[in-house]
All heavy atoms as atom14 arrays in JSON, in Angstrom:
{
  "sequence": "NDIKVLASGLGFPEGPVVMKDGSVVFVELNGGKVSRVDAQGVYSVLGP",
  "atom14_mask": [
    [1, 1, 1, 1, 1, 1, 1, 1, 0, 0, 0, 0, 0, 0],
    [1, 1, 1, 1, 1, 1, 1, 1, 0, 0, 0, 0, 0, 0],
    [1, 1, 1, 1, 1, 1, 1, 1, 0, 0, 0, 0, 0, 0],
    [1, 1, 1, 1, 1, 1, 1, 1, 1, 0, 0, 0, 0, 0],
    [1, 1, 1, 1, 1, 1, 1, 0, 0, 0, 0, 0, 0, 0],
    [1, 1, 1, 1, 1, 1, 1, 1, 0, 0, 0, 0, 0, 0],
    [1, 1, 1, 1, 1, 0, 0, 0, 0, 0, 0, 0, 0, 0],
    [1, 1, 1, 1, 1, 1, 0, 0, 0, 0, 0, 0, 0, 0],
    [1, 1, 1, 1, 0, 0, 0, 0, 0, 0, 0, 0, 0, 0],
    [1, 1, 1, 1, 1, 1, 1, 1, 0, 0, 0, 0, 0, 0],
    [1, 1, 1, 1, 0, 0, 0, 0, 0, 0, 0, 0, 0, 0],
    [1, 1, 1, 1, 1, 1, 1, 1, 1, 1, 1, 0, 0, 0],
    [1, 1, 1, 1, 1, 1, 1, 0, 0, 0, 0, 0, 0, 0],
    [1, 1, 1, 1, 1, 1, 1, 1, 1, 0, 0, 0, 0, 0],
    [1, 1, 1, 1, 0, 0, 0, 0, 0, 0, 0, 0, 0, 0],
    [1, 1, 1, 1, 1, 1, 1, 0, 0, 0, 0, 0, 0, 0],
    [1, 1, 1, 1, 1, 1, 1, 0, 0, 0, 0, 0, 0, 0],
    [1, 1, 1, 1, 1, 1, 1, 0, 0, 0, 0, 0, 0, 0],
    [1, 1, 1, 1, 1, 1, 1, 1, 0, 0, 0, 0, 0, 0],
    [1, 1, 1, 1, 1, 1, 1, 1, 1, 0, 0, 0, 0, 0],
    [1, 1, 1, 1, 1, 1, 1, 1, 0, 0, 0, 0, 0, 0],
    [1, 1, 1, 1, 0, 0, 0, 0, 0, 0, 0, 0, 0, 0],
    [1, 1, 1, 1, 1, 1, 0, 0, 0, 0, 0, 0, 0, 0],
    [1, 1, 1, 1, 1, 1, 1, 0, 0, 0, 0, 0, 0, 0],
    [1, 1, 1, 1, 1, 1, 1, 0, 0, 0, 0, 0, 0, 0],
    [1, 1, 1, 1, 1, 1, 1, 1, 1, 1, 1, 0, 0, 0],
    [1, 1, 1, 1, 1, 1, 1, 0, 0, 0, 0, 0, 0, 0],
    [1, 1, 1, 1, 1, 1, 1, 1, 1, 0, 0, 0, 0, 0],
    [1, 1, 1, 1, 1, 1, 1, 1, 0, 0, 0, 0, 0, 0],
    [1, 1, 1, 1, 1, 1, 1, 1, 0, 0, 0, 0, 0, 0],
    [1, 1, 1, 1, 0, 0, 0, 0, 0, 0, 0, 0, 0, 0],
    [1, 1, 1, 1, 0, 0, 0, 0, 0, 0, 0, 0, 0, 0],
    [1, 1, 1, 1, 1, 1, 1, 1, 1, 0, 0, 0, 0, 0],
    [1, 1, 1, 1, 1, 1, 1, 0, 0, 0, 0, 0, 0, 0],
    [1, 1, 1, 1, 1, 1, 0, 0, 0, 0, 0, 0, 0, 0],
    [1, 1, 1, 1, 1, 1, 1, 1, 1, 1, 1, 0, 0, 0],
    [1, 1, 1, 1, 1, 1, 1, 0, 0, 0, 0, 0, 0, 0],
    [1, 1, 1, 1, 1, 1, 1, 1, 0, 0, 0, 0, 0, 0],
    [1, 1, 1, 1, 1, 0, 0, 0, 0, 0, 0, 0, 0, 0],
    [1, 1, 1, 1, 1, 1, 1, 1, 1, 0, 0, 0, 0, 0],
    [1, 1, 1, 1, 0, 0, 0, 0, 0, 0, 0, 0, 0, 0],
    [1, 1, 1, 1, 1, 1, 1, 0, 0, 0, 0, 0, 0, 0],
    [1, 1, 1, 1, 1, 1, 1, 1, 1, 1, 1, 1, 0, 0],
    [1, 1, 1, 1, 1, 1, 0, 0, 0, 0, 0, 0, 0, 0],
    [1, 1, 1, 1, 1, 1, 1, 0, 0, 0, 0, 0, 0, 0],
    [1, 1, 1, 1, 1, 1, 1, 1, 0, 0, 0, 0, 0, 0],
    [1, 1, 1, 1, 0, 0, 0, 0, 0, 0, 0, 0, 0, 0],
    [1, 1, 1, 1, 1, 1, 1, 0, 0, 0, 0, 0, 0, 0]
  ],
  "atom14_positions": [
    [[18.22, 10.0, -0.15], [18.42, 9.51, 1.06], [17.27, 9.61, 2.03], [17.21, 8.95, 2.98], [19.69, 10.13, 1.76], [20.99, 9.69, 0.95], [21.0, 8.7, 0.33], [22.02, 10.57, 1.08], [0.0, 0.0, 0.0], [0.0, 0.0, 0.0], [0.0, 0.0, 0.0], [0.0, 0.0, 0.0], [0.0, 0.0, 0.0], [0.0, 0.0, 0.0]],
    [[16.33, 10.67, 1.75], [15.22, 10.9, 2.62], [14.04, 9.97, 2.25], [13.04, 10.02, 2.83], [14.79, 12.34, 2.49], [15.82, 13.26, 3.13], [16.52, 12.85, 4.02], [15.88, 14.41, 2.62], [0.0, 0.0, 0.0], [0.0, 0.0, 0.0], [0.0, 0.0, 0.0], [0.0, 0.0, 0.0], [0.0, 0.0, 0.0], [0.0, 0.0, 0.0]],
    [[14.17, 9.21, 1.23], [13.09, 8.3, 0.82], [12.95, 7.02, 1.59], [13.93, 6.37, 1.82], [13.27, 7.9, -0.69], [13.16, 9.16, -1.59], [12.26, 6.89, -1.12], [13.38, 8.87, -3.13], [0.0, 0.0, 0.0], [0.0, 0.0, 0.0], [0.0, 0.0, 0.0], [0.0, 0.0, 0.0], [0.0, 0.0, 0.0], [0.0, 0.0, 0.0]],
    [[11.78, 6.84, 2.17], [11.57, 5.77, 3.03], [10.7, 4.72, 2.31], [9.56, 5.07, 1.84], [10.88, 6.19, 4.38], [10.48, 4.98, 5.29], [9.79, 5.51, 6.53], [9.45, 4.36, 7.45], [8.71, 4.86, 8.7], [0.0, 0.0, 0.0], [0.0, 0.0, 0.0], [0.0, 0.0, 0.0], [0.0, 0.0, 0.0], [0.0, 0.0, 0.0]],
    [[11.03, 3.47, 2.16], [10.31, 2.47, 1.58], [9.23, 1.92, 2.6], [9.6, 1.39, 3.66], [11.16, 1.26, 1.09], [10.27, 0.26, 0.44], [12.15, 1.79, 0.07], [0.0, 0.0, 0.0], [0.0, 0.0, 0.0], [0.0, 0.0, 0.0], [0.0, 0.0, 0.0], [0.0, 0.0, 0.0], [0.0, 0.0, 0.0], [0.0, 0.0, 0.0]],
    [[7.99, 2.06, 2.25], [6.9, 1.66, 3.2], [6.41, 0.17, 2.82], [6.02, -0.57, 3.75], [5.67, 2.54, 2.95], [5.84, 4.04, 3.31], [4.55, 4.79, 3.1], [6.44, 4.25, 4.66], [0.0, 0.0, 0.0], [0.0, 0.0, 0.0], [0.0, 0.0, 0.0], [0.0, 0.0, 0.0], [0.0, 0.0, 0.0], [0.0, 0.0, 0.0]],
    [[6.58, -0.19, 1.57], [6.24, -1.58, 1.13], [6.99, -1.87, -0.16], [7.23, -0.97, -0.92], [4.75, -1.75, 0.98], [0.0, 0.0, 0.0], [0.0, 0.0, 0.0], [0.0, 0.0, 0.0], [0.0, 0.0, 0.0], [0.0, 0.0, 0.0], [0.0, 0.0, 0.0], [0.0, 0.0, 0.0], [0.0, 0.0, 0.0], [0.0, 0.0, 0.0]],
    [[7.41, -3.11, -0.32], [8.06, -3.59, -1.45], [7.54, -4.89, -2.02], [6.76, -5.56, -1.32], [9.66, -3.69, -1.19], [9.87, -4.58, -0.16], [0.0, 0.0, 0.0], [0.0, 0.0, 0.0], [0.0, 0.0, 0.0], [0.0, 0.0, 0.0], [0.0, 0.0, 0.0], [0.0, 0.0, 0.0], [0.0, 0.0, 0.0], [0.0, 0.0, 0.0]],
    [[8.01, -5.28, -3.15], [7.5, -6.51, -3.75], [6.07, -6.46, -4.21], [5.39, -7.51, -4.33], [0.0, 0.0, 0.0], [0.0, 0.0, 0.0], [0.0, 0.0, 0.0], [0.0, 0.0, 0.0], [0.0, 0.0, 0.0], [0.0, 0.0, 0.0], [0.0, 0.0, 0.0], [0.0, 0.0, 0.0], [0.0, 0.0, 0.0], [0.0, 0.0, 0.0]],
    [[5.57, -5.29, -4.46], [4.15, -5.09, -4.88], [4.0, -5.29, -6.37], [4.97, -5.21, -7.23], [3.75, -3.68, -4.57], [3.94, -3.27, -3.03], [3.63, -1.72, -2.86], [3.0, -4.09, -2.07], [0.0, 0.0, 0.0], [0.0, 0.0, 0.0], [0.0, 0.0, 0.0], [0.0, 0.0, 0.0], [0.0, 0.0, 0.0], [0.0, 0.0, 0.0]],
    [[2.82, -5.6, -6.81], [2.54, -5.83, -8.21], [2.03, -4.63, -8.88], [0.74, -4.41, -9.05], [0.0, 0.0, 0.0], [0.0, 0.0, 0.0], [0.0, 0.0, 0.0], [0.0, 0.0, 0.0], [0.0, 0.0, 0.0], [0.0, 0.0, 0.0], [0.0, 0.0, 0.0], [0.0, 0.0, 0.0], [0.0, 0.0, 0.0], [0.0, 0.0, 0.0]],
    [[2.87, -3.77, -9.37], [2.56, -2.51, -10.08], [1.7, -1.68, -9.21], [0.44, -1.52, -9.56], [1.95, -2.76, -11.42], [2.26, -1.65, -12.46], [3.21, -1.88, -13.5], [1.62, -0.49, -12.44], [3.54, -0.87, -14.37], [1.8, 0.57, -13.3], [2.81, 0.4, -14.33], [0.0, 0.0, 0.0], [0.0, 0.0, 0.0], [0.0, 0.0, 0.0]],
    [[2.06, -1.06, -8.14], [1.29, -0.28, -7.27], [0.86, 1.12, -7.95], [1.69, 1.63, -8.66], [2.1, -0.18, -6.08], [3.57, -0.12, -6.6], [3.53, -1.16, -7.7], [0.0, 0.0, 0.0], [0.0, 0.0, 0.0], [0.0, 0.0, 0.0], [0.0, 0.0, 0.0], [0.0, 0.0, 0.0], [0.0, 0.0, 0.0], [0.0, 0.0, 0.0]],
    [[-0.37, 1.5, -7.61], [-0.83, 2.82, -8.07], [-1.87, 3.28, -7.12], [-2.29, 2.57, -6.19], [-1.37, 2.78, -9.57], [-0.38, 2.58, -10.62], [-0.66, 3.26, -11.92], [-1.38, 4.27, -11.87], [-0.12, 2.83, -12.95], [0.0, 0.0, 0.0], [0.0, 0.0, 0.0], [0.0, 0.0, 0.0], [0.0, 0.0, 0.0], [0.0, 0.0, 0.0]],
    [[-2.33, 4.48, -7.31], [-3.49, 5.07, -6.63], [-3.37, 5.2, -5.13], [-4.41, 4.86, -4.4], [0.0, 0.0, 0.0], [0.0, 0.0, 0.0], [0.0, 0.0, 0.0], [0.0, 0.0, 0.0], [0.0, 0.0, 0.0], [0.0, 0.0, 0.0], [0.0, 0.0, 0.0], [0.0, 0.0, 0.0], [0.0, 0.0, 0.0], [0.0, 0.0, 0.0]],
    [[-2.3, 5.65, -4.54], [-2.27, 5.81, -3.1], [-3.22, 6.7, -2.56], [-3.41, 7.91, -3.05], [-0.77, 6.19, -2.85], [-0.41, 6.98, -4.04], [-1.1, 6.28, -5.19], [0.0, 0.0, 0.0], [0.0, 0.0, 0.0], [0.0, 0.0, 0.0], [0.0, 0.0, 0.0], [0.0, 0.0, 0.0], [0.0, 0.0, 0.0], [0.0, 0.0, 0.0]],
    [[-3.82, 6.39, -1.42], [-4.73, 7.3, -0.68], [-4.3, 7.21, 0.83], [-4.25, 6.15, 1.39], [-6.27, 6.75, -0.73], [-7.13, 7.67, 0.14], [-6.67, 6.92, -2.24], [0.0, 0.0, 0.0], [0.0, 0.0, 0.0], [0.0, 0.0, 0.0], [0.0, 0.0, 0.0], [0.0, 0.0, 0.0], [0.0, 0.0, 0.0], [0.0, 0.0, 0.0]],
    [[-3.99, 8.38, 1.4], [-3.63, 8.52, 2.86], [-4.88, 8.5, 3.72], [-5.86, 9.38, 3.48], [-2.73, 9.69, 3.05], [-2.31, 9.78, 4.56], [-1.57, 9.61, 2.23], [0.0, 0.0, 0.0], [0.0, 0.0, 0.0], [0.0, 0.0, 0.0], [0.0, 0.0, 0.0], [0.0, 0.0, 0.0], [0.0, 0.0, 0.0], [0.0, 0.0, 0.0]],
    [[-4.97, 7.59, 4.67], [-6.17, 7.55, 5.55], [-5.79, 8.29, 6.86], [-4.64, 8.53, 7.21], [-6.49, 6.13, 5.85], [-6.66, 5.32, 4.54], [-8.02, 5.93, 3.46], [-9.47, 5.22, 4.34], [0.0, 0.0, 0.0], [0.0, 0.0, 0.0], [0.0, 0.0, 0.0], [0.0, 0.0, 0.0], [0.0, 0.0, 0.0], [0.0, 0.0, 0.0]],
    [[-6.91, 8.49, 7.66], [-6.77, 9.23, 8.92], [-5.86, 8.56, 9.93], [-5.19, 9.14, 10.71], [-8.2, 9.47, 9.54], [-8.13, 10.36, 10.72], [-9.66, 10.58, 11.2], [-9.63, 11.47, 12.47], [-11.08, 11.76, 12.84], [0.0, 0.0, 0.0], [0.0, 0.0, 0.0], [0.0, 0.0, 0.0], [0.0, 0.0, 0.0], [0.0, 0.0, 0.0]],
    [[-5.94, 7.2, 9.9], [-5.11, 6.44, 10.86], [-3.64, 6.24, 10.46], [-2.89, 5.56, 11.17], [-5.74, 4.98, 11.09], [-5.71, 4.14, 9.81], [-5.22, 4.62, 8.78], [-6.33, 3.07, 9.82], [0.0, 0.0, 0.0], [0.0, 0.0, 0.0], [0.0, 0.0, 0.0], [0.0, 0.0, 0.0], [0.0, 0.0, 0.0], [0.0, 0.0, 0.0]],
    [[-3.2, 6.92, 9.41], [-1.89, 6.94, 9.03], [-1.57, 5.83, 8.05], [-0.39, 5.67, 7.55], [0.0, 0.0, 0.0], [0.0, 0.0, 0.0], [0.0, 0.0, 0.0], [0.0, 0.0, 0.0], [0.0, 0.0, 0.0], [0.0, 0.0, 0.0], [0.0, 0.0, 0.0], [0.0, 0.0, 0.0], [0.0, 0.0, 0.0], [0.0, 0.0, 0.0]],
    [[-2.47, 5.01, 7.77], [-2.27, 3.96, 6.81], [-2.36, 4.43, 5.33], [-2.94, 5.59, 5.11], [-3.27, 2.75, 6.91], [-4.59, 3.17, 6.72], [0.0, 0.0, 0.0], [0.0, 0.0, 0.0], [0.0, 0.0, 0.0], [0.0, 0.0, 0.0], [0.0, 0.0, 0.0], [0.0, 0.0, 0.0], [0.0, 0.0, 0.0], [0.0, 0.0, 0.0]],
    [[-1.89, 3.78, 4.34], [-2.01, 4.11, 3.04], [-2.66, 3.04, 2.22], [-2.22, 1.87, 2.34], [-0.6, 4.46, 2.32], [-0.78, 4.87, 0.95], [0.14, 5.5, 3.16], [0.0, 0.0, 0.0], [0.0, 0.0, 0.0], [0.0, 0.0, 0.0], [0.0, 0.0, 0.0], [0.0, 0.0, 0.0], [0.0, 0.0, 0.0], [0.0, 0.0, 0.0]],
    [[-3.79, 3.32, 1.58], [-4.44, 2.26, 0.82], [-4.1, 2.59, -0.68], [-3.95, 3.72, -1.13], [-5.98, 2.39, 0.99], [-6.75, 1.47, 0.05], [-6.36, 2.2, 2.42], [0.0, 0.0, 0.0], [0.0, 0.0, 0.0], [0.0, 0.0, 0.0], [0.0, 0.0, 0.0], [0.0, 0.0, 0.0], [0.0, 0.0, 0.0], [0.0, 0.0, 0.0]],
    [[-3.8, 1.46, -1.47], [-3.41, 1.63, -2.83], [-3.85, 0.36, -3.62], [-4.43, -0.54, -3.02], [-1.88, 1.79, -2.97], [-1.1, 0.67, -2.25], [-0.69, -0.47, -2.96], [-0.89, 0.81, -0.9], [0.04, -1.46, -2.37], [-0.18, -0.23, -0.28], [0.24, -1.37, -0.9], [0.0, 0.0, 0.0], [0.0, 0.0, 0.0], [0.0, 0.0, 0.0]],
    [[-3.72, 0.42, -4.91], [-4.03, -0.69, -5.73], [-2.86, -1.43, -6.24], [-1.77, -0.77, -6.28], [-4.99, -0.32, -6.94], [-6.2, 0.46, -6.38], [-4.2, 0.47, -7.91], [0.0, 0.0, 0.0], [0.0, 0.0, 0.0], [0.0, 0.0, 0.0], [0.0, 0.0, 0.0], [0.0, 0.0, 0.0], [0.0, 0.0, 0.0], [0.0, 0.0, 0.0]],
    [[-2.95, -2.64, -6.65], [-1.88, -3.35, -7.34], [-2.51, -3.95, -8.62], [-3.44, -4.79, -8.62], [-1.34, -4.54, -6.51], [-0.77, -4.05, -5.21], [-0.17, -5.16, -4.37], [0.78, -5.91, -4.81], [-0.64, -5.37, -3.24], [0.0, 0.0, 0.0], [0.0, 0.0, 0.0], [0.0, 0.0, 0.0], [0.0, 0.0, 0.0], [0.0, 0.0, 0.0]],
    [[-2.18, -3.35, -9.77], [-2.69, -3.66, -10.97], [-2.36, -5.07, -11.39], [-3.21, -5.87, -11.83], [-2.08, -2.82, -12.15], [-2.74, -1.48, -12.4], [-2.37, -0.45, -11.38], [-2.26, -0.92, -13.8], [0.0, 0.0, 0.0], [0.0, 0.0, 0.0], [0.0, 0.0, 0.0], [0.0, 0.0, 0.0], [0.0, 0.0, 0.0], [0.0, 0.0, 0.0]],
    [[-1.11, -5.5, -11.12], [-0.69, -6.93, -11.4], [-1.01, -7.78, -10.28], [-0.31, -7.92, -9.29], [0.76, -6.88, -11.71], [1.23, -8.29, -12.28], [0.46, -9.15, -12.4], [2.55, -8.31, -12.63], [0.0, 0.0, 0.0], [0.0, 0.0, 0.0], [0.0, 0.0, 0.0], [0.0, 0.0, 0.0], [0.0, 0.0, 0.0], [0.0, 0.0, 0.0]],
    [[-2.16, -8.38, -10.35], [-2.7, -9.1, -9.23], [-4.15, -8.8, -8.91], [-4.92, -9.51, -8.27], [0.0, 0.0, 0.0], [0.0, 0.0, 0.0], [0.0, 0.0, 0.0], [0.0, 0.0, 0.0], [0.0, 0.0, 0.0], [0.0, 0.0, 0.0], [0.0, 0.0, 0.0], [0.0, 0.0, 0.0], [0.0, 0.0, 0.0], [0.0, 0.0, 0.0]],
    [[-4.59, -7.5, -9.37], [-5.96, -7.16, -9.19], [-6.42, -7.07, -7.7], [-7.42, -7.77, -7.36], [0.0, 0.0, 0.0], [0.0, 0.0, 0.0], [0.0, 0.0, 0.0], [0.0, 0.0, 0.0], [0.0, 0.0, 0.0], [0.0, 0.0, 0.0], [0.0, 0.0, 0.0], [0.0, 0.0, 0.0], [0.0, 0.0, 0.0], [0.0, 0.0, 0.0]],
    [[-5.93, -6.13, -6.91], [-6.35, -6.01, -5.64], [-6.11, -4.6, -5.01], [-5.39, -3.85, -5.51], [-5.6, -7.02, -4.72], [-4.17, -7.01, -4.79], [-3.45, -8.19, -4.22], [-1.96, -8.28, -4.46], [-1.3, -9.5, -3.95], [0.0, 0.0, 0.0], [0.0, 0.0, 0.0], [0.0, 0.0, 0.0], [0.0, 0.0, 0.0], [0.0, 0.0, 0.0]],
    [[-6.88, -4.44, -3.92], [-6.62, -3.14, -3.13], [-5.91, -3.59, -1.92], [-6.34, -4.47, -1.25], [-8.02, -2.47, -2.75], [-7.78, -1.2, -1.94], [-8.85, -2.09, -4.04], [0.0, 0.0, 0.0], [0.0, 0.0, 0.0], [0.0, 0.0, 0.0], [0.0, 0.0, 0.0], [0.0, 0.0, 0.0], [0.0, 0.0, 0.0], [0.0, 0.0, 0.0]],
    [[-4.83, -2.85, -1.64], [-4.0, -3.23, -0.57], [-3.82, -2.07, 0.46], [-4.18, -0.95, 0.14], [-2.63, -3.73, -0.98], [-2.82, -4.77, -2.02], [0.0, 0.0, 0.0], [0.0, 0.0, 0.0], [0.0, 0.0, 0.0], [0.0, 0.0, 0.0], [0.0, 0.0, 0.0], [0.0, 0.0, 0.0], [0.0, 0.0, 0.0], [0.0, 0.0, 0.0]],
    [[-3.17, -2.39, 1.6], [-3.01, -1.34, 2.6], [-1.67, -1.6, 3.32], [-1.35, -2.71, 3.57], [-4.2, -1.46, 3.64], [-4.17, -0.28, 4.67], [-4.99, -0.73, 5.84], [-6.32, -1.07, 5.54], [-7.38, -0.26, 5.62], [-7.24, 1.01, 5.88], [-8.59, -0.71, 5.26], [0.0, 0.0, 0.0], [0.0, 0.0, 0.0], [0.0, 0.0, 0.0]],
    [[-1.02, -0.53, 3.65], [0.13, -0.5, 4.58], [-0.27, 0.39, 5.75], [-0.53, 1.56, 5.59], [1.43, 0.02, 3.95], [2.56, 0.09, 4.89], [1.8, -0.89, 2.75], [0.0, 0.0, 0.0], [0.0, 0.0, 0.0], [0.0, 0.0, 0.0], [0.0, 0.0, 0.0], [0.0, 0.0, 0.0], [0.0, 0.0, 0.0], [0.0, 0.0, 0.0]],
    [[-0.31, -0.16, 7.01], [-0.66, 0.61, 8.17], [0.5, 1.48, 8.58], [1.66, 1.43, 8.12], [-1.2, -0.25, 9.25], [-0.24, -1.24, 9.93], [0.98, -0.97, 9.86], [-0.67, -2.19, 10.55], [0.0, 0.0, 0.0], [0.0, 0.0, 0.0], [0.0, 0.0, 0.0], [0.0, 0.0, 0.0], [0.0, 0.0, 0.0], [0.0, 0.0, 0.0]],
    [[0.28, 2.27, 9.67], [1.26, 3.22, 10.16], [2.54, 2.5, 10.68], [3.58, 3.13, 10.74], [0.6, 4.11, 11.16], [0.0, 0.0, 0.0], [0.0, 0.0, 0.0], [0.0, 0.0, 0.0], [0.0, 0.0, 0.0], [0.0, 0.0, 0.0], [0.0, 0.0, 0.0], [0.0, 0.0, 0.0], [0.0, 0.0, 0.0], [0.0, 0.0, 0.0]],
    [[2.34, 1.18, 11.0], [3.57, 0.45, 11.51], [4.26, -0.28, 10.41], [5.22, -0.96, 10.67], [3.08, -0.58, 12.61], [2.61, 0.06, 13.93], [1.35, 0.84, 13.88], [0.42, 0.32, 13.34], [1.38, 2.06, 14.41], [0.0, 0.0, 0.0], [0.0, 0.0, 0.0], [0.0, 0.0, 0.0], [0.0, 0.0, 0.0], [0.0, 0.0, 0.0]],
    [[3.8, -0.07, 9.14], [4.44, -0.8, 8.02], [3.92, -2.09, 7.75], [4.63, -2.92, 6.97], [0.0, 0.0, 0.0], [0.0, 0.0, 0.0], [0.0, 0.0, 0.0], [0.0, 0.0, 0.0], [0.0, 0.0, 0.0], [0.0, 0.0, 0.0], [0.0, 0.0, 0.0], [0.0, 0.0, 0.0], [0.0, 0.0, 0.0], [0.0, 0.0, 0.0]],
    [[2.74, -2.5, 8.39], [2.3, -3.96, 8.11], [1.39, -3.91, 6.83], [0.45, -2.98, 6.76], [1.47, -4.37, 9.35], [0.81, -5.77, 9.03], [2.3, -4.41, 10.59], [0.0, 0.0, 0.0], [0.0, 0.0, 0.0], [0.0, 0.0, 0.0], [0.0, 0.0, 0.0], [0.0, 0.0, 0.0], [0.0, 0.0, 0.0], [0.0, 0.0, 0.0]],
    [[1.7, -4.8, 5.93], [0.98, -4.9, 4.61], [-0.17, -5.9, 4.75], [-0.06, -6.95, 5.45], [1.94, -5.39, 3.63], [1.33, -5.87, 2.3], [1.02, -4.93, 1.25], [1.02, -7.18, 2.08], [0.47, -5.34, 0.13], [0.39, -7.64, 0.94], [0.17, -6.73, -0.1], [-0.46, -7.2, -1.27], [0.0, 0.0, 0.0], [0.0, 0.0, 0.0]],
    [[-1.26, -5.53, 4.14], [-2.36, -6.44, 4.11], [-3.23, -6.22, 2.84], [-3.05, -5.12, 2.17], [-3.29, -6.3, 5.37], [-3.82, -4.96, 5.34], [0.0, 0.0, 0.0], [0.0, 0.0, 0.0], [0.0, 0.0, 0.0], [0.0, 0.0, 0.0], [0.0, 0.0, 0.0], [0.0, 0.0, 0.0], [0.0, 0.0, 0.0], [0.0, 0.0, 0.0]],
    [[-3.98, -7.12, 2.44], [-4.92, -6.99, 1.26], [-6.28, -6.68, 1.65], [-6.9, -7.48, 2.47], [-4.78, -8.24, 0.39], [-5.78, -8.16, -0.77], [-3.43, -8.56, -0.15], [0.0, 0.0, 0.0], [0.0, 0.0, 0.0], [0.0, 0.0, 0.0], [0.0, 0.0, 0.0], [0.0, 0.0, 0.0], [0.0, 0.0, 0.0], [0.0, 0.0, 0.0]],
    [[-6.72, -5.55, 1.23], [-8.18, -5.23, 1.57], [-9.21, -6.01, 0.86], [-10.2, -6.43, 1.43], [-8.44, -3.73, 1.26], [-9.69, -3.13, 1.59], [-10.08, -3.28, 3.11], [-9.75, -1.64, 1.21], [0.0, 0.0, 0.0], [0.0, 0.0, 0.0], [0.0, 0.0, 0.0], [0.0, 0.0, 0.0], [0.0, 0.0, 0.0], [0.0, 0.0, 0.0]],
    [[-8.86, -6.32, -0.31], [-9.77, -7.24, -1.16], [-9.36, -7.26, -2.47], [-8.72, -6.5, -3.17], [0.0, 0.0, 0.0], [0.0, 0.0, 0.0], [0.0, 0.0, 0.0], [0.0, 0.0, 0.0], [0.0, 0.0, 0.0], [0.0, 0.0, 0.0], [0.0, 0.0, 0.0], [0.0, 0.0, 0.0], [0.0, 0.0, 0.0], [0.0, 0.0, 0.0]],
    [[-9.82, -8.34, -3.33], [-9.7, -8.49, -4.7], [-10.58, -7.57, -5.53], [-11.63, -7.15, -5.02], [-9.9, -9.91, -4.96], [-11.02, -10.32, -3.95], [-10.6, -9.44, -2.75], [0.0, 0.0, 0.0], [0.0, 0.0, 0.0], [0.0, 0.0, 0.0], [0.0, 0.0, 0.0], [0.0, 0.0, 0.0], [0.0, 0.0, 0.0], [0.0, 0.0, 0.0]]
  ]
}
């Protein structure tokens, strides 16, 4: 019950890295990209 979903619908996410601004950067294997979820829960693609 304590688990909070930060992002969903991702393409095989791996490699999370917590950044100073509270965002989490991670990769999506299926799709070949580096992505980010900011501290407000906004998802974006950093790059392919």
